[in-house]
Protein backbone atom coordinates (compact mmCIF):
# COMPACT_ATOMS: atom_id res chain seq x y z
CA MET A 1 -26.59 -47.86 -19.64
CA ASN A 2 -25.92 -48.95 -23.64
CA ARG A 3 -26.08 -46.39 -26.55
CA ILE A 4 -27.15 -48.52 -29.17
CA THR A 5 -27.77 -46.49 -33.15
CA LEU A 6 -29.84 -47.54 -35.43
CA LYS A 7 -29.34 -46.56 -39.15
CA THR A 8 -31.02 -47.03 -42.38
CA VAL A 9 -29.25 -47.50 -45.06
CA TYR A 10 -30.94 -47.47 -49.10
CA ARG A 11 -29.98 -46.09 -52.00
CA GLU A 12 -30.52 -43.27 -54.24
CA TYR A 13 -31.37 -42.82 -57.59
CA ASP A 14 -31.83 -39.38 -59.67
CA SER A 15 -33.24 -41.00 -62.85
CA PRO A 16 -35.41 -44.53 -63.41
CA GLY A 17 -33.21 -44.95 -66.11
CA GLU A 18 -30.35 -46.23 -63.15
CA LEU A 19 -33.07 -48.65 -61.69
CA SER A 20 -33.71 -51.99 -63.25
CA SER A 21 -36.47 -53.03 -65.84
CA ARG A 22 -37.88 -55.18 -63.29
CA GLN A 23 -37.99 -52.07 -61.00
CA GLN A 24 -39.37 -49.43 -64.04
CA VAL A 25 -42.24 -51.51 -64.60
CA LEU A 26 -43.46 -51.46 -60.82
CA ILE A 27 -42.85 -47.85 -60.72
CA MET A 28 -44.81 -47.19 -63.54
CA LYS A 29 -47.77 -49.93 -62.63
CA ALA A 30 -48.13 -47.95 -58.81
CA ILE A 31 -48.08 -44.23 -60.77
CA GLU A 32 -50.97 -45.55 -62.69
CA ALA A 33 -52.57 -46.63 -59.82
CA ALA A 34 -51.77 -43.28 -57.94
CA GLY A 35 -53.96 -41.89 -60.66
CA ARG A 36 -57.08 -43.84 -59.75
CA ALA A 37 -57.27 -43.22 -55.95
CA TYR A 38 -60.21 -41.78 -54.39
CA ALA A 39 -58.59 -39.31 -52.95
CA PRO A 40 -61.65 -36.23 -53.00
CA TYR A 41 -60.69 -34.42 -49.55
CA SER A 42 -57.04 -34.65 -49.40
CA GLY A 43 -55.98 -34.65 -53.50
CA PHE A 44 -53.06 -36.39 -52.17
CA ARG A 45 -53.33 -40.10 -54.14
CA VAL A 46 -50.99 -42.58 -53.41
CA GLY A 47 -50.24 -45.61 -55.67
CA ALA A 48 -48.59 -49.28 -54.79
CA ALA A 49 -47.55 -51.89 -57.21
CA VAL A 50 -46.68 -55.47 -55.21
CA GLN A 51 -44.59 -58.06 -57.21
CA LEU A 52 -45.07 -61.31 -55.86
CA ALA A 53 -42.69 -64.07 -56.65
CA ASN A 54 -44.61 -65.97 -59.38
CA GLY A 55 -44.08 -62.61 -61.37
CA GLU A 56 -47.61 -61.32 -60.85
CA ILE A 57 -48.15 -57.26 -60.30
CA ILE A 58 -51.01 -56.67 -57.81
CA THR A 59 -51.71 -52.89 -57.38
CA GLY A 60 -53.48 -50.65 -54.98
CA ASN A 61 -54.40 -46.57 -54.14
CA ASN A 62 -55.74 -45.04 -51.07
CA GLN A 63 -58.98 -45.08 -50.30
CA GLU A 64 -60.65 -42.14 -48.23
CA ASN A 65 -63.74 -41.92 -46.54
CA ALA A 66 -65.30 -38.99 -45.30
CA ALA A 67 -65.85 -40.93 -42.00
CA TYR A 68 -61.92 -40.05 -41.06
CA PRO A 69 -60.34 -42.92 -40.35
CA SER A 70 -62.17 -45.21 -42.35
CA GLY A 71 -60.10 -44.97 -45.57
CA LEU A 72 -56.96 -47.61 -46.07
CA CYS A 73 -53.67 -46.69 -47.61
CA ALA A 74 -52.60 -47.78 -51.11
CA GLU A 75 -49.76 -50.33 -49.48
CA ARG A 76 -52.38 -51.84 -47.75
CA VAL A 77 -54.82 -52.30 -49.71
CA ALA A 78 -52.41 -53.79 -52.51
CA LEU A 79 -50.15 -56.32 -49.81
CA PHE A 80 -53.67 -57.28 -48.28
CA TYR A 81 -55.43 -57.68 -51.64
CA ALA A 82 -52.47 -60.02 -52.34
CA GLY A 83 -52.17 -61.82 -49.09
CA ALA A 84 -56.09 -62.76 -49.76
CA ASN A 85 -55.99 -64.02 -53.20
CA TYR A 86 -52.76 -65.61 -53.27
CA PRO A 87 -51.65 -66.20 -49.38
CA GLY A 88 -49.13 -68.85 -50.49
CA GLU A 89 -47.43 -66.41 -52.52
CA LYS A 90 -44.28 -64.82 -51.63
CA ILE A 91 -44.02 -60.72 -52.19
CA ILE A 92 -40.88 -59.94 -53.16
CA ALA A 93 -41.26 -55.73 -54.15
CA ILE A 94 -43.22 -53.36 -53.37
CA ALA A 95 -43.52 -49.76 -55.20
CA ILE A 96 -44.84 -46.96 -54.21
CA THR A 97 -45.27 -43.58 -55.48
CA ALA A 98 -48.18 -40.23 -54.49
CA THR A 99 -49.56 -37.17 -56.77
CA GLU A 100 -50.79 -34.22 -54.73
CA HIS A 101 -53.54 -31.94 -56.95
CA GLY A 102 -52.34 -33.93 -60.13
CA LYS A 103 -48.89 -33.39 -59.71
CA PRO A 104 -45.87 -35.91 -59.03
CA LEU A 105 -44.43 -35.21 -55.95
CA GLU A 106 -41.19 -34.68 -56.09
CA MET A 107 -39.46 -36.30 -53.46
CA PRO A 108 -40.40 -40.24 -52.76
CA VAL A 109 -43.18 -40.42 -49.75
CA SER A 110 -42.56 -42.47 -47.12
CA PRO A 111 -45.31 -44.98 -45.59
CA CYS A 112 -47.03 -44.81 -42.42
CA GLY A 113 -46.69 -46.92 -39.52
CA GLY A 114 -49.15 -48.56 -40.00
CA CYS A 115 -48.26 -49.78 -43.43
CA ARG A 116 -44.52 -50.60 -42.33
CA GLN A 117 -45.67 -52.42 -39.54
CA VAL A 118 -47.53 -55.02 -42.56
CA MET A 119 -44.85 -54.80 -44.94
CA LEU A 120 -42.92 -56.41 -41.97
CA GLU A 121 -45.09 -58.94 -41.07
CA THR A 122 -45.96 -59.93 -44.71
CA GLU A 123 -41.60 -60.45 -44.59
CA LEU A 124 -41.88 -61.91 -41.49
CA ARG A 125 -44.62 -64.27 -43.05
CA HIS A 126 -43.07 -65.67 -45.55
CA ASN A 127 -39.41 -65.10 -44.16
CA HIS A 128 -38.11 -63.14 -47.26
CA PRO A 129 -37.08 -59.40 -47.64
CA VAL A 130 -39.45 -57.73 -49.40
CA GLU A 131 -37.91 -54.29 -51.64
CA VAL A 132 -39.24 -51.14 -50.72
CA ILE A 133 -38.87 -48.67 -53.87
CA LEU A 134 -39.62 -45.44 -53.28
CA HIS A 135 -40.61 -43.15 -56.06
CA GLY A 136 -40.21 -39.23 -56.87
CA ALA A 137 -40.11 -37.62 -59.62
CA LYS A 138 -36.48 -36.05 -58.62
CA LYS A 139 -35.54 -38.92 -56.25
CA THR A 140 -36.14 -42.91 -56.17
CA ARG A 141 -35.25 -44.88 -53.34
CA VAL A 142 -34.79 -48.27 -53.18
CA LEU A 143 -34.52 -50.47 -49.58
CA LYS A 144 -33.43 -53.98 -49.50
CA SER A 145 -36.12 -54.50 -46.87
CA ALA A 146 -38.78 -53.25 -45.28
CA ALA A 147 -37.24 -53.87 -41.78
CA ASP A 148 -34.83 -51.17 -43.01
CA LEU A 149 -38.25 -48.85 -42.63
CA LEU A 150 -39.23 -50.35 -39.31
CA PRO A 151 -35.94 -51.17 -37.07
CA LEU A 152 -37.94 -51.92 -33.44
CA PRO A 153 -41.01 -53.28 -34.91
CA PHE A 154 -44.21 -54.61 -32.73
CA THR A 155 -43.56 -58.57 -33.01
CA LEU A 156 -45.14 -61.72 -30.79
CA SER A 157 -41.15 -62.16 -30.16
CA PRO A 158 -39.92 -59.50 -28.16
CA ASP A 159 -36.25 -60.80 -29.34
CA SER A 160 -36.98 -60.30 -33.19
CA LYS A 161 -35.34 -57.64 -35.33
CA GLY A 162 -37.25 -58.78 -38.38
CA PRO A 163 -36.50 -60.97 -41.53
């Protein structure tokens, strides 16, 4: 038997002012997107902002539906829109933030498993890491790659470890 340890490495910031201007813009776009979320059942609004290699920023937000689980997460709304409308363009970063009942969450929210899988496959498809910015009112976490969120990915290649 072999014992293997998996680690996730990320940077954590106490103030958005410590981030690059590009990262700050993505966070602001994600906050704006969260404000437009359709979340009448949970009151939990999530916003995502995706930056493409060409500089374009695509936003998405969660869309709830009374017929659970027919809704969709903010991250997938943004990533699928980018894939449908800019299929050859690499995605270089995604910022994610959330509010609950109109109040920003103090700590960053982490994407669900389905969103992690979609982000990882986006990296694999474009052979390029996607920086992940998880924003909360008190802390912001930055990961170099979506693969850091999903260390044992489901892929068509059984030996794949991400990009």
